[in-house]
């Protein structure tokens, strides 16, 4: 998968904060504190951080990979992550894309999903789902080295 943004490069020298800034600038219209409740925005922010840490964009295929990275490569509990699916904002996103399109995208990404799972097993430690703030000023390359993240 071609990587077009700096935060997606394995050895990106951007800090996590700079990577998040680029992510939000390159993907306008995402759910943030500006357009949603603070509770929903907080959960979406945690999800957006994983996009940056694991080097994924917002295409349907890479959303699938981000979810896989998060479930297998972070400290999030499945029950906690499933809360994300309960919000009307998430349901609307899914409906806008369409269930058939999502299913087909998942089928097409199965090889990459297995590749992500294999890479999560090689990680030195799992990404801290809700403790990203302490890493905001750290370069992405350093974070990825510390956790053993190898972007796809």
N, C-alpha and C. Protein backbone atom coordinates (compact mmCIF):
# COMPACT_ATOMS: atom_id res chain seq x y z
N UNK A 1 0.84 -1.18 0.00
CA UNK A 1 0.00 0.00 0.00
C UNK A 1 0.88 1.24 0.00
N UNK A 2 0.66 2.09 -0.95
CA UNK A 2 1.46 3.30 -1.08
C UNK A 2 1.17 4.25 0.08
N UNK A 3 2.22 4.78 0.66
CA UNK A 3 2.10 5.71 1.77
C UNK A 3 2.36 7.12 1.24
N UNK A 4 1.39 8.00 1.46
CA UNK A 4 1.52 9.33 0.88
C UNK A 4 1.75 10.44 1.89
N UNK A 5 1.64 10.15 3.16
CA UNK A 5 1.80 11.18 4.17
C UNK A 5 3.05 10.90 5.01
N UNK A 6 3.61 11.97 5.56
CA UNK A 6 4.84 11.82 6.34
C UNK A 6 4.62 10.94 7.57
N UNK A 7 3.48 11.07 8.25
CA UNK A 7 3.25 10.28 9.46
C UNK A 7 3.19 8.78 9.17
N UNK A 8 3.00 8.43 7.90
CA UNK A 8 2.91 7.02 7.52
C UNK A 8 4.28 6.38 7.27
N UNK A 9 5.32 7.17 7.20
CA UNK A 9 6.65 6.64 6.95
C UNK A 9 7.20 6.00 8.23
N UNK A 10 7.74 4.83 8.09
CA UNK A 10 8.26 4.08 9.25
C UNK A 10 9.20 4.94 10.11
N UNK A 11 10.11 5.65 9.47
CA UNK A 11 11.12 6.41 10.20
C UNK A 11 10.79 7.90 10.29
N UNK A 12 9.50 8.23 10.28
CA UNK A 12 9.08 9.64 10.36
C UNK A 12 9.66 10.30 11.60
N UNK A 13 10.25 11.46 11.40
CA UNK A 13 10.81 12.22 12.52
C UNK A 13 9.78 13.18 13.12
N UNK A 14 8.57 13.18 12.56
CA UNK A 14 7.51 13.99 13.15
C UNK A 14 7.23 13.51 14.56
N UNK A 15 6.87 14.44 15.43
CA UNK A 15 6.38 14.03 16.74
C UNK A 15 4.97 13.47 16.55
N UNK A 16 4.49 12.79 17.56
CA UNK A 16 3.12 12.30 17.49
C UNK A 16 2.16 13.46 17.29
N UNK A 17 2.40 14.58 17.96
CA UNK A 17 1.53 15.76 17.80
C UNK A 17 1.56 16.26 16.36
N UNK A 18 2.75 16.35 15.76
CA UNK A 18 2.86 16.80 14.37
C UNK A 18 2.19 15.80 13.43
N UNK A 19 2.32 14.52 13.74
CA UNK A 19 1.64 13.50 12.94
C UNK A 19 0.13 13.63 13.02
N UNK A 20 -0.38 13.89 14.21
CA UNK A 20 -1.82 14.12 14.38
C UNK A 20 -2.26 15.37 13.63
N UNK A 21 -1.45 16.42 13.71
CA UNK A 21 -1.78 17.65 12.98
C UNK A 21 -1.87 17.38 11.48
N UNK A 22 -0.91 16.64 10.95
CA UNK A 22 -0.93 16.29 9.52
C UNK A 22 -2.15 15.43 9.21
N UNK A 23 -2.41 14.45 10.04
CA UNK A 23 -3.55 13.55 9.86
C UNK A 23 -4.85 14.34 9.76
N UNK A 24 -5.08 15.26 10.69
CA UNK A 24 -6.31 16.06 10.67
C UNK A 24 -6.34 17.01 9.48
N UNK A 25 -5.19 17.56 9.11
CA UNK A 25 -5.14 18.48 7.96
C UNK A 25 -5.41 17.75 6.65
N UNK A 26 -4.94 16.52 6.53
CA UNK A 26 -5.09 15.76 5.28
C UNK A 26 -6.41 15.00 5.19
N UNK A 27 -7.12 14.91 6.31
CA UNK A 27 -8.40 14.19 6.33
C UNK A 27 -9.46 15.09 6.96
N UNK A 28 -9.88 16.13 6.25
CA UNK A 28 -10.86 17.06 6.82
C UNK A 28 -12.21 16.37 7.04
N UNK A 29 -12.97 16.91 7.99
CA UNK A 29 -14.31 16.39 8.25
C UNK A 29 -14.35 15.27 9.27
N UNK A 30 -13.24 14.95 9.90
CA UNK A 30 -13.24 13.90 10.91
C UNK A 30 -13.97 14.39 12.15
N UNK A 31 -14.39 13.46 12.97
CA UNK A 31 -15.10 13.80 14.20
C UNK A 31 -14.10 14.27 15.24
N UNK A 32 -14.31 15.52 15.71
CA UNK A 32 -13.43 16.14 16.70
C UNK A 32 -14.28 16.87 17.73
N UNK A 33 -13.59 17.53 18.66
CA UNK A 33 -14.29 18.32 19.67
C UNK A 33 -15.09 19.46 19.04
N UNK A 34 -14.69 19.87 17.84
CA UNK A 34 -15.37 20.98 17.16
C UNK A 34 -16.75 20.61 16.61
N UNK A 35 -16.99 19.33 16.37
CA UNK A 35 -18.26 18.95 15.73
C UNK A 35 -18.99 17.80 16.41
N UNK A 36 -18.60 17.48 17.65
CA UNK A 36 -19.23 16.37 18.36
C UNK A 36 -19.14 16.60 19.86
N UNK A 37 -19.83 15.75 20.61
CA UNK A 37 -19.75 15.83 22.06
C UNK A 37 -18.35 15.44 22.52
N UNK A 38 -17.96 15.91 23.69
CA UNK A 38 -16.61 15.63 24.17
C UNK A 38 -16.37 14.14 24.38
N UNK A 39 -17.39 13.40 24.81
CA UNK A 39 -17.23 11.96 25.04
C UNK A 39 -16.96 11.23 23.73
N UNK A 40 -17.72 11.53 22.71
CA UNK A 40 -17.53 10.91 21.40
C UNK A 40 -16.20 11.35 20.81
N UNK A 41 -15.90 12.63 20.89
CA UNK A 41 -14.66 13.17 20.33
C UNK A 41 -13.44 12.53 20.99
N UNK A 42 -13.52 12.28 22.30
CA UNK A 42 -12.40 11.65 23.01
C UNK A 42 -12.13 10.25 22.46
N UNK A 43 -13.17 9.48 22.26
CA UNK A 43 -13.00 8.13 21.73
C UNK A 43 -12.47 8.16 20.30
N UNK A 44 -12.99 9.07 19.48
CA UNK A 44 -12.49 9.19 18.11
C UNK A 44 -11.03 9.65 18.12
N UNK A 45 -10.66 10.49 19.07
CA UNK A 45 -9.27 10.95 19.17
C UNK A 45 -8.35 9.76 19.45
N UNK A 46 -8.75 8.87 20.35
CA UNK A 46 -7.95 7.68 20.64
C UNK A 46 -7.78 6.84 19.37
N UNK A 47 -8.86 6.72 18.62
CA UNK A 47 -8.82 5.97 17.36
C UNK A 47 -7.90 6.67 16.36
N UNK A 48 -7.99 7.99 16.26
CA UNK A 48 -7.16 8.75 15.32
C UNK A 48 -5.68 8.62 15.67
N UNK A 49 -5.36 8.59 16.95
CA UNK A 49 -3.98 8.41 17.37
C UNK A 49 -3.44 7.08 16.84
N UNK A 50 -4.25 6.04 16.87
CA UNK A 50 -3.78 4.74 16.36
C UNK A 50 -3.54 4.80 14.86
N UNK A 51 -4.33 5.58 14.14
CA UNK A 51 -4.06 5.77 12.70
C UNK A 51 -2.63 6.29 12.51
N UNK A 52 -2.24 7.25 13.32
CA UNK A 52 -0.92 7.87 13.18
C UNK A 52 0.17 6.91 13.65
N UNK A 53 0.01 6.29 14.81
CA UNK A 53 1.02 5.38 15.34
C UNK A 53 1.28 4.22 14.37
N UNK A 54 0.21 3.66 13.81
CA UNK A 54 0.36 2.50 12.95
C UNK A 54 0.45 2.86 11.47
N UNK A 55 0.44 4.17 11.15
CA UNK A 55 0.70 4.63 9.80
C UNK A 55 -0.39 4.36 8.79
N UNK A 56 -1.64 4.48 9.21
CA UNK A 56 -2.77 4.20 8.31
C UNK A 56 -3.54 5.47 7.95
N UNK A 57 -4.10 5.48 6.74
CA UNK A 57 -4.95 6.60 6.35
C UNK A 57 -6.41 6.26 6.67
N UNK A 58 -7.34 6.95 6.04
CA UNK A 58 -8.75 6.75 6.37
C UNK A 58 -9.52 6.03 5.27
N UNK A 59 -8.82 5.42 4.33
CA UNK A 59 -9.52 4.61 3.32
C UNK A 59 -10.20 3.44 4.02
N UNK A 60 -11.18 2.86 3.38
CA UNK A 60 -11.91 1.74 4.00
C UNK A 60 -10.94 0.61 4.33
N UNK A 61 -10.05 0.30 3.42
CA UNK A 61 -9.08 -0.79 3.65
C UNK A 61 -8.20 -0.49 4.87
N UNK A 62 -7.73 0.74 4.96
CA UNK A 62 -6.83 1.06 6.07
C UNK A 62 -7.58 1.28 7.37
N UNK A 63 -8.86 1.59 7.31
CA UNK A 63 -9.68 1.59 8.55
C UNK A 63 -9.73 0.17 9.10
N UNK A 64 -9.86 -0.81 8.22
CA UNK A 64 -9.86 -2.21 8.64
C UNK A 64 -8.53 -2.56 9.30
N UNK A 65 -7.44 -2.09 8.69
CA UNK A 65 -6.12 -2.37 9.26
C UNK A 65 -5.92 -1.65 10.59
N UNK A 66 -6.42 -0.41 10.68
CA UNK A 66 -6.32 0.33 11.94
C UNK A 66 -7.05 -0.41 13.05
N UNK A 67 -8.25 -0.90 12.75
CA UNK A 67 -9.01 -1.66 13.75
C UNK A 67 -8.24 -2.92 14.17
N UNK A 68 -7.62 -3.58 13.20
CA UNK A 68 -6.85 -4.79 13.50
C UNK A 68 -5.64 -4.46 14.36
N UNK A 69 -4.90 -3.42 13.97
CA UNK A 69 -3.76 -2.98 14.78
C UNK A 69 -4.21 -2.68 16.20
N UNK A 70 -5.34 -1.96 16.32
CA UNK A 70 -5.81 -1.53 17.63
C UNK A 70 -6.20 -2.72 18.50
N UNK A 71 -6.97 -3.63 17.94
CA UNK A 71 -7.46 -4.78 18.72
C UNK A 71 -6.32 -5.71 19.14
N UNK A 72 -5.38 -5.95 18.23
CA UNK A 72 -4.31 -6.90 18.53
C UNK A 72 -3.02 -6.25 19.04
N UNK A 73 -2.83 -4.94 18.77
CA UNK A 73 -1.56 -4.31 19.10
C UNK A 73 -1.64 -3.19 20.12
N UNK A 74 -2.79 -3.07 20.79
CA UNK A 74 -2.90 -2.04 21.83
C UNK A 74 -3.51 -2.63 23.09
N UNK A 75 -3.54 -1.82 24.11
CA UNK A 75 -4.08 -2.27 25.40
C UNK A 75 -5.59 -2.10 25.50
N UNK A 76 -6.25 -1.70 24.42
CA UNK A 76 -7.70 -1.51 24.47
C UNK A 76 -8.39 -2.84 24.74
N UNK A 77 -9.44 -2.76 25.54
CA UNK A 77 -10.28 -3.94 25.76
C UNK A 77 -11.34 -3.96 24.66
N UNK A 78 -11.68 -5.14 24.21
CA UNK A 78 -12.68 -5.25 23.14
C UNK A 78 -13.97 -4.55 23.53
N UNK A 79 -14.41 -4.71 24.77
CA UNK A 79 -15.65 -4.06 25.21
C UNK A 79 -15.53 -2.54 25.13
N UNK A 80 -14.36 -2.04 25.43
CA UNK A 80 -14.11 -0.60 25.34
C UNK A 80 -14.15 -0.13 23.89
N UNK A 81 -13.55 -0.91 23.01
CA UNK A 81 -13.51 -0.55 21.59
C UNK A 81 -14.89 -0.67 20.95
N UNK A 82 -15.69 -1.61 21.42
CA UNK A 82 -17.03 -1.78 20.86
C UNK A 82 -17.94 -0.59 21.20
N UNK A 83 -17.61 0.15 22.25
CA UNK A 83 -18.37 1.37 22.57
C UNK A 83 -18.34 2.33 21.39
N UNK A 84 -17.21 2.32 20.69
CA UNK A 84 -17.00 3.15 19.51
C UNK A 84 -18.11 2.90 18.48
N UNK A 85 -18.55 1.67 18.36
CA UNK A 85 -19.57 1.30 17.37
C UNK A 85 -20.98 1.67 17.81
N UNK A 86 -21.16 2.00 19.06
CA UNK A 86 -22.50 2.31 19.58
C UNK A 86 -22.92 3.75 19.33
N UNK A 87 -21.97 4.62 19.07
CA UNK A 87 -22.30 6.03 18.90
C UNK A 87 -22.99 6.27 17.56
N UNK A 88 -23.97 7.16 17.55
CA UNK A 88 -24.66 7.49 16.29
C UNK A 88 -23.70 7.97 15.21
N UNK A 89 -22.64 8.68 15.60
CA UNK A 89 -21.67 9.18 14.63
C UNK A 89 -20.98 8.02 13.90
N UNK A 90 -20.66 6.97 14.65
CA UNK A 90 -20.02 5.81 14.04
C UNK A 90 -21.00 5.07 13.15
N UNK A 91 -22.21 4.89 13.63
CA UNK A 91 -23.23 4.20 12.82
C UNK A 91 -23.49 4.95 11.52
N UNK A 92 -23.51 6.28 11.60
CA UNK A 92 -23.74 7.07 10.39
C UNK A 92 -22.59 6.88 9.39
N UNK A 93 -21.36 6.86 9.89
CA UNK A 93 -20.22 6.63 9.01
C UNK A 93 -20.33 5.29 8.29
N UNK A 94 -20.70 4.26 9.05
CA UNK A 94 -20.87 2.93 8.47
C UNK A 94 -21.99 2.93 7.43
N UNK A 95 -23.11 3.55 7.76
CA UNK A 95 -24.23 3.61 6.81
C UNK A 95 -23.86 4.39 5.56
N UNK A 96 -23.11 5.49 5.73
CA UNK A 96 -22.70 6.29 4.57
C UNK A 96 -21.83 5.49 3.61
N UNK A 97 -20.96 4.67 4.15
CA UNK A 97 -20.09 3.83 3.31
C UNK A 97 -20.89 2.68 2.72
N UNK A 98 -21.72 2.06 3.53
CA UNK A 98 -22.52 0.92 3.08
C UNK A 98 -21.95 -0.39 3.57
N UNK A 99 -22.84 -1.25 4.05
CA UNK A 99 -22.41 -2.54 4.61
C UNK A 99 -21.76 -3.44 3.57
N UNK A 100 -22.30 -3.46 2.37
CA UNK A 100 -21.74 -4.31 1.31
C UNK A 100 -20.33 -3.85 0.94
N UNK A 101 -20.16 -2.55 0.82
CA UNK A 101 -18.84 -2.02 0.49
C UNK A 101 -17.83 -2.32 1.60
N UNK A 102 -18.28 -2.19 2.85
CA UNK A 102 -17.40 -2.52 3.98
C UNK A 102 -17.03 -4.00 3.99
N UNK A 103 -18.01 -4.85 3.75
CA UNK A 103 -17.76 -6.29 3.73
C UNK A 103 -16.76 -6.62 2.62
N UNK A 104 -16.97 -6.07 1.44
CA UNK A 104 -16.10 -6.35 0.31
C UNK A 104 -14.68 -5.84 0.59
N UNK A 105 -14.57 -4.66 1.19
CA UNK A 105 -13.25 -4.12 1.54
C UNK A 105 -12.55 -5.04 2.53
N UNK A 106 -13.30 -5.57 3.49
CA UNK A 106 -12.71 -6.49 4.47
C UNK A 106 -12.18 -7.73 3.76
N UNK A 107 -12.97 -8.29 2.85
CA UNK A 107 -12.54 -9.49 2.12
C UNK A 107 -11.24 -9.21 1.37
N UNK A 108 -11.17 -8.05 0.72
CA UNK A 108 -9.99 -7.71 -0.06
C UNK A 108 -8.75 -7.45 0.81
N UNK A 109 -8.97 -7.08 2.06
CA UNK A 109 -7.83 -6.78 2.93
C UNK A 109 -7.42 -7.95 3.82
N UNK A 110 -8.06 -9.09 3.68
CA UNK A 110 -7.73 -10.22 4.55
C UNK A 110 -6.23 -10.55 4.57
N UNK A 111 -5.54 -10.59 3.41
CA UNK A 111 -4.09 -10.85 3.50
C UNK A 111 -3.35 -9.82 4.34
N UNK A 112 -3.70 -8.55 4.17
CA UNK A 112 -3.05 -7.49 4.95
C UNK A 112 -3.43 -7.58 6.43
N UNK A 113 -4.66 -8.00 6.73
CA UNK A 113 -5.09 -8.18 8.12
C UNK A 113 -4.20 -9.23 8.80
N UNK A 114 -3.96 -10.34 8.11
CA UNK A 114 -3.09 -11.37 8.68
C UNK A 114 -1.65 -10.86 8.83
N UNK A 115 -1.23 -10.01 7.91
CA UNK A 115 0.10 -9.42 8.01
C UNK A 115 0.18 -8.51 9.25
N UNK A 116 -0.87 -7.73 9.49
CA UNK A 116 -0.91 -6.86 10.67
C UNK A 116 -0.90 -7.70 11.94
N UNK A 117 -1.71 -8.75 11.99
CA UNK A 117 -1.74 -9.61 13.17
C UNK A 117 -0.34 -10.18 13.45
N UNK A 118 0.34 -10.63 12.40
CA UNK A 118 1.69 -11.16 12.56
C UNK A 118 2.63 -10.08 13.11
N UNK A 119 2.48 -8.87 12.63
CA UNK A 119 3.35 -7.78 13.11
C UNK A 119 3.04 -7.41 14.55
N UNK A 120 1.77 -7.50 14.94
CA UNK A 120 1.44 -7.19 16.34
C UNK A 120 2.06 -8.21 17.28
N UNK A 121 2.20 -9.44 16.82
CA UNK A 121 2.82 -10.48 17.65
C UNK A 121 4.32 -10.25 17.83
N UNK A 122 4.92 -9.48 16.93
CA UNK A 122 6.35 -9.18 17.02
C UNK A 122 6.62 -7.89 17.79
N UNK A 123 5.58 -7.17 18.16
CA UNK A 123 5.77 -5.92 18.89
C UNK A 123 6.42 -6.19 20.25
N UNK A 124 7.22 -5.25 20.70
CA UNK A 124 7.89 -5.37 21.99
C UNK A 124 6.91 -5.22 23.14
N UNK A 125 5.93 -4.35 22.95
CA UNK A 125 4.85 -4.16 23.92
C UNK A 125 3.68 -3.52 23.19
N UNK A 126 2.52 -3.63 23.77
CA UNK A 126 1.31 -3.10 23.15
C UNK A 126 1.23 -1.59 23.33
N UNK A 127 0.70 -0.93 22.30
CA UNK A 127 0.50 0.51 22.36
C UNK A 127 -0.48 0.82 23.48
N UNK A 128 -0.19 1.85 24.24
CA UNK A 128 -1.02 2.27 25.36
C UNK A 128 -2.21 3.05 24.81
N UNK A 129 -3.36 2.40 24.74
CA UNK A 129 -4.56 2.95 24.11
C UNK A 129 -4.93 4.33 24.63
N UNK A 130 -5.00 4.51 25.93
CA UNK A 130 -5.49 5.78 26.45
C UNK A 130 -4.39 6.64 27.07
N UNK A 131 -3.14 6.28 26.87
CA UNK A 131 -2.05 7.05 27.47
C UNK A 131 -1.16 7.74 26.46
N UNK A 132 -1.74 8.15 25.35
CA UNK A 132 -0.94 8.72 24.27
C UNK A 132 -0.34 10.09 24.60
N UNK A 133 -0.95 10.83 25.54
CA UNK A 133 -0.52 12.21 25.81
C UNK A 133 0.96 12.31 26.16
N UNK A 134 1.47 11.32 26.87
CA UNK A 134 2.89 11.37 27.26
C UNK A 134 3.83 11.21 26.07
N UNK A 135 3.30 10.80 24.92
CA UNK A 135 4.12 10.60 23.73
C UNK A 135 3.97 11.72 22.70
N UNK A 136 3.16 12.73 22.98
CA UNK A 136 2.88 13.76 21.99
C UNK A 136 4.12 14.46 21.46
N UNK A 137 5.15 14.61 22.27
CA UNK A 137 6.37 15.30 21.84
C UNK A 137 7.48 14.35 21.40
N UNK A 138 7.17 13.07 21.30
CA UNK A 138 8.16 12.07 20.88
C UNK A 138 8.06 11.84 19.37
N UNK A 139 9.20 11.67 18.70
CA UNK A 139 9.16 11.35 17.27
C UNK A 139 8.48 9.99 17.03
N UNK A 140 7.74 9.92 15.95
CA UNK A 140 7.06 8.67 15.61
C UNK A 140 8.05 7.52 15.45
N UNK A 141 9.22 7.80 14.86
CA UNK A 141 10.22 6.74 14.70
C UNK A 141 10.63 6.16 16.05
N UNK A 142 10.77 7.02 17.05
CA UNK A 142 11.15 6.58 18.39
C UNK A 142 10.04 5.75 19.04
N UNK A 143 8.80 6.21 18.89
CA UNK A 143 7.64 5.48 19.43
C UNK A 143 7.56 4.11 18.79
N UNK A 144 7.68 4.07 17.48
CA UNK A 144 7.58 2.80 16.76
C UNK A 144 8.72 1.86 17.15
N UNK A 145 9.87 2.41 17.37
CA UNK A 145 11.00 1.57 17.82
C UNK A 145 10.74 1.04 19.23
N UNK A 146 10.26 1.89 20.12
CA UNK A 146 10.00 1.48 21.50
C UNK A 146 8.96 0.36 21.58
N UNK A 147 7.92 0.46 20.76
CA UNK A 147 6.84 -0.52 20.81
C UNK A 147 7.04 -1.66 19.81
N UNK A 148 7.96 -1.49 18.89
CA UNK A 148 8.18 -2.52 17.88
C UNK A 148 7.14 -2.50 16.78
N UNK A 149 6.70 -1.32 16.41
CA UNK A 149 5.69 -1.17 15.36
C UNK A 149 6.39 -1.08 14.01
N UNK A 150 6.01 -1.95 13.11
CA UNK A 150 6.48 -1.89 11.72
C UNK A 150 5.27 -1.65 10.84
N UNK A 151 5.16 -0.42 10.31
CA UNK A 151 3.98 -0.07 9.52
C UNK A 151 3.93 -0.92 8.24
N UNK A 152 2.71 -1.11 7.78
CA UNK A 152 2.50 -1.90 6.54
C UNK A 152 2.68 -0.98 5.35
